């Protein structure tokens, strides 16, 4: 019963990001708005997937294949924005290669009938790398602003937390579809981490808003 409730409620965790994003949207800079639209897109895909699986009894692994592509593109654009012009072309180039990899993976290795563990894993590793480079640059430059006052720190921390904790699950995606106690625990932990990520996004939005308001006075 609890697992059924969580199945339907977990997609709504994203509102922990969407609602604060709507409230603070006019104060958000471009990188924050990209995360907001990414969160909104995640809700639409997850909601559509539930409707198709529960309402029409359709297999929905194809949605994961589609989501993986757009997820990586959204977050690549986010990191391209915060890295600046020098790294932007490299990130866009990697994003293009990743999209081609996703297409090839679906056509030749992992069809839409199974989870795309190869592309999910590779995408997660790249995003973890982007996040680590961001924090490394923060340490090197030793910004005078407090760490907790920078909204991008909270958002990138959320991304690093989620993808580093979920990497193992992505690798063994297709083995986690068979119901068992351990599998249920793994998915519960995943959903908790996802909720924490969304909360960190929300904190980032409010930090951006407070800084923008402060700068106007």
Foldseek 3Di string as FASTA:
>chain_A
DVLVVCLVCLLVLLVLQQVLCVVLVVLDDDLLVLVNVLSVVSSVLSVVLCCCCVVVVDQNLLSLLVNLLVNLVSVLVSLLVVVDDVCNVVSVVVSVVLNVVSVCCCVPPNPSNAHSLVSLLVSLVVLLVSLVVVVVVCVVVVDPDDLLLALVSLLSVLSNQLSVLCNVCSNCVRVLPDDDPVSSVSVVVNSVSVSSNSNSSSSSSVSSSVVSVVVVD
